Protein backbone atom coordinates (compact mmCIF):
# COMPACT_ATOMS: atom_id res chain seq x y z
CA MET A 1 81.04 99.20 92.06
CA SER A 2 83.91 101.52 92.94
CA ALA A 3 87.20 100.40 94.46
CA THR A 4 86.27 102.19 97.68
CA GLU A 5 83.01 100.25 97.91
CA MET A 6 84.89 97.01 97.29
CA MET A 7 87.41 97.81 100.02
CA ARG A 8 84.60 98.51 102.48
CA GLN A 9 83.04 95.14 101.68
CA ILE A 10 86.39 93.40 102.06
CA GLU A 11 86.89 95.02 105.47
CA GLU A 12 83.56 93.53 106.56
CA LEU A 13 84.71 89.99 105.78
CA PRO A 14 86.03 87.73 108.54
CA VAL A 15 89.81 87.99 108.97
CA GLN A 16 90.42 84.53 107.50
CA GLU A 17 88.52 85.41 104.31
CA GLN A 18 90.43 88.70 104.05
CA GLU A 19 93.70 86.77 104.31
CA GLU A 20 92.60 84.28 101.63
CA LEU A 21 91.65 87.14 99.32
CA PHE A 22 95.00 88.84 99.93
CA VAL A 23 96.85 85.61 99.06
CA LEU A 24 94.86 85.19 95.85
CA LEU A 25 95.48 88.79 94.79
CA THR A 26 99.18 88.54 95.62
CA GLN A 27 99.52 85.35 93.60
CA LYS A 28 97.79 87.00 90.65
CA VAL A 29 100.04 90.06 90.74
CA LEU A 30 103.21 88.01 91.11
CA GLY A 31 102.05 85.52 88.49
CA ASP A 32 101.42 88.32 85.99
CA ARG A 33 104.89 89.73 86.62
CA ARG A 34 106.55 86.39 86.10
CA SER A 35 104.69 85.66 82.89
CA GLY A 36 105.89 88.89 81.31
CA THR A 37 102.37 90.12 80.60
CA GLN A 38 103.32 93.51 82.00
CA PRO A 39 106.73 94.35 80.54
CA TRP A 40 106.42 97.94 81.75
CA VAL A 41 106.57 96.99 85.46
CA GLY A 42 109.68 98.42 87.07
CA GLN A 43 110.55 100.65 84.13
CA ARG A 44 110.75 104.43 84.06
CA LEU A 45 108.11 105.63 81.63
CA SER A 46 107.51 109.05 80.18
CA PHE A 47 104.11 110.61 80.80
CA ASP A 48 102.95 109.63 77.31
CA GLN A 49 104.16 106.05 77.73
CA ALA A 50 102.44 105.80 81.12
CA CYS A 51 99.18 107.08 79.61
CA ASP A 52 99.43 104.46 76.88
CA VAL A 53 99.86 101.73 79.50
CA VAL A 54 97.01 102.99 81.69
CA PHE A 55 94.51 103.20 78.88
CA ARG A 56 95.67 100.01 77.14
CA GLU A 57 95.39 98.04 80.40
CA ASN A 58 92.14 99.70 81.49
CA ARG A 59 89.86 100.01 78.50
CA GLN A 60 86.84 100.51 80.75
CA LEU A 61 88.49 103.61 82.25
CA LEU A 62 88.99 105.04 78.78
CA SER A 63 85.35 104.31 77.91
CA GLU A 64 84.09 105.99 81.07
CA LEU A 65 86.26 109.05 80.54
CA ALA A 66 84.99 109.34 76.98
CA THR A 67 81.38 109.69 78.14
């Protein structure tokens, strides 16, 4: 499922469920930042460094681009 399809489904949820989902996602993002799992957040990266981060963090993207 694409991100666009997921967003469309989220928009169809009742407002309360959308809010709950937003809270969960926000907690995950902030929790990841606090735990130091993403040391590159907030840093200026070169193009090559950014590519390394994108493909290291998104192995599925790399696999799909390879096909």
